[in-house]
Amino acid sequence: MHKYEIIIYWSGEDKIFVAEVPELKGCLAHGKTQAAAVKNINEAIELWLATAKEFGDEIPSPRQRLIVA
């Protein structure tokens, strides 16, 4: 499991859940359910990272958030 932030939102136009990783430009996936979108985005992250490594592209570090209680 990766530690990248995943944003999930509903696309009313497409009637699907969309998941994206802001740190990884263009890394998007979708699914009919939130769970499916999360499963698919994790696969997309793997592919994104493998492709970046293959081409020697920079791989951003996961965003670190400070949580204040």
C-alpha atoms as a PDB file:
ATOM      1  CA  MET A   1       0.000   0.000   0.000  1.00  0.00           C
ATOM      2  CA  HIS A   2       1.257   3.444  -0.887  1.00  0.00           C
ATOM      3  CA  LYS A   3       1.035   6.522   1.272  1.00  0.00           C
ATOM      4  CA  TYR A   4      -0.103   8.930  -1.425  1.00  0.00           C
ATOM      5  CA  GLU A   5      -3.187  11.029  -0.833  1.00  0.00           C
ATOM      6  CA  ILE A   6      -6.203   9.756  -2.787  1.00  0.00           C
ATOM      7  CA  ILE A   7      -9.125  12.041  -3.545  1.00  0.00           C
ATOM      8  CA  ILE A   8     -12.413  10.333  -4.447  1.00  0.00           C
ATOM      9  CA  TYR A   9     -15.387  12.159  -5.907  1.00  0.00           C
ATOM     10  CA  TRP A  10     -18.613  11.348  -7.714  1.00  0.00           C
ATOM     11  CA  SER A  11     -18.912  12.213 -11.405  1.00  0.00           C
ATOM     12  CA  GLY A  12     -22.593  12.843 -12.015  1.00  0.00           C
ATOM     13  CA  GLU A  13     -21.954  13.133 -15.739  1.00  0.00           C
ATOM     14  CA  ASP A  14     -20.318   9.708 -15.980  1.00  0.00           C
ATOM     15  CA  LYS A  15     -22.144   8.177 -12.984  1.00  0.00           C
ATOM     16  CA  ILE A  16     -18.936   6.768 -11.512  1.00  0.00           C
ATOM     17  CA  PHE A  17     -16.595   7.427  -8.604  1.00  0.00           C
ATOM     18  CA  VAL A  18     -13.315   8.996  -9.703  1.00  0.00           C
ATOM     19  CA  ALA A  19     -10.105   8.616  -7.695  1.00  0.00           C
ATOM     20  CA  GLU A  20      -7.029  10.732  -8.260  1.00  0.00           C
ATOM     21  CA  VAL A  21      -3.600  11.160  -6.704  1.00  0.00           C
ATOM     22  CA  PRO A  22      -2.640  14.860  -6.711  1.00  0.00           C
ATOM     23  CA  GLU A  23       1.111  14.185  -6.266  1.00  0.00           C
ATOM     24  CA  LEU A  24       1.226  11.914  -9.323  1.00  0.00           C
ATOM     25  CA  LYS A  25       0.244  14.039 -12.317  1.00  0.00           C
ATOM     26  CA  GLY A  26      -2.397  12.329 -14.431  1.00  0.00           C
ATOM     27  CA  CYS A  27      -2.853   9.388 -12.066  1.00  0.00           C
ATOM     28  CA  LEU A  28      -6.617   8.785 -12.183  1.00  0.00           C
ATOM     29  CA  ALA A  29      -8.918   5.784 -11.984  1.00  0.00           C
ATOM     30  CA  HIS A  30     -12.632   5.171 -11.582  1.00  0.00           C
ATOM     31  CA  GLY A  31     -15.150   2.585 -10.460  1.00  0.00           C
ATOM     32  CA  LYS A  32     -18.865   2.002  -9.988  1.00  0.00           C
ATOM     33  CA  THR A  33     -18.315   2.038  -6.206  1.00  0.00           C
ATOM     34  CA  GLN A  34     -15.883   3.859  -3.933  1.00  0.00           C
ATOM     35  CA  ALA A  35     -14.224   0.530  -3.124  1.00  0.00           C
ATOM     36  CA  ALA A  36     -13.752  -0.236  -6.812  1.00  0.00           C
ATOM     37  CA  ALA A  37     -12.277   3.216  -7.407  1.00  0.00           C
ATOM     38  CA  VAL A  38      -9.792   2.684  -4.549  1.00  0.00           C
ATOM     39  CA  LYS A  39      -8.800  -0.747  -5.887  1.00  0.00           C
ATOM     40  CA  ASN A  40      -8.315   0.696  -9.358  1.00  0.00           C
ATOM     41  CA  ILE A  41      -6.339   3.741  -8.189  1.00  0.00           C
ATOM     42  CA  ASN A  42      -3.944   1.500  -6.258  1.00  0.00           C
ATOM     43  CA  GLU A  43      -3.282  -0.404  -9.487  1.00  0.00           C
ATOM     44  CA  ALA A  44      -2.869   2.919 -11.328  1.00  0.00           C
ATOM     45  CA  ILE A  45      -0.332   4.090  -8.720  1.00  0.00           C
ATOM     46  CA  GLU A  46       1.701   0.906  -9.267  1.00  0.00           C
ATOM     47  CA  LEU A  47       1.681   1.467 -13.026  1.00  0.00           C
ATOM     48  CA  TRP A  48       2.476   5.178 -12.676  1.00  0.00           C
ATOM     49  CA  LEU A  49       5.472   4.463 -10.436  1.00  0.00           C
ATOM     50  CA  ALA A  50       6.744   1.605 -12.644  1.00  0.00           C
ATOM     51  CA  THR A  51       6.551   3.820 -15.729  1.00  0.00           C
ATOM     52  CA  ALA A  52       8.314   6.702 -13.990  1.00  0.00           C
ATOM     53  CA  LYS A  53      11.120   4.349 -12.892  1.00  0.00           C
ATOM     54  CA  GLU A  54      11.407   2.889 -16.399  1.00  0.00           C
ATOM     55  CA  PHE A  55      11.863   6.332 -17.959  1.00  0.00           C
ATOM     56  CA  GLY A  56      13.943   7.805 -15.139  1.00  0.00           C
ATOM     57  CA  ASP A  57      11.277  10.362 -14.241  1.00  0.00           C
ATOM     58  CA  GLU A  58      11.206  12.017 -10.846  1.00  0.00           C
ATOM     59  CA  ILE A  59       8.923  10.302  -8.340  1.00  0.00           C
ATOM     60  CA  PRO A  60       7.365  12.720  -5.859  1.00  0.00           C
ATOM     61  CA  SER A  61       7.354  11.820  -2.188  1.00  0.00           C
ATOM     62  CA  PRO A  62       3.943  11.304  -0.600  1.00  0.00           C
ATOM     63  CA  ARG A  63       2.514  14.465   0.911  1.00  0.00           C
ATOM     64  CA  GLN A  64       2.910  14.714   4.665  1.00  0.00           C
ATOM     65  CA  ARG A  65      -0.001  16.270   6.510  1.00  0.00           C
ATOM     66  CA  LEU A  66       0.187  17.641   9.988  1.00  0.00           C
ATOM     67  CA  ILE A  67      -2.909  16.631  11.939  1.00  0.00           C
ATOM     68  CA  VAL A  68      -3.693  18.831  14.886  1.00  0.00           C
ATOM     69  CA  ALA A  69      -6.225  17.514  17.393  1.00  0.00           C
END
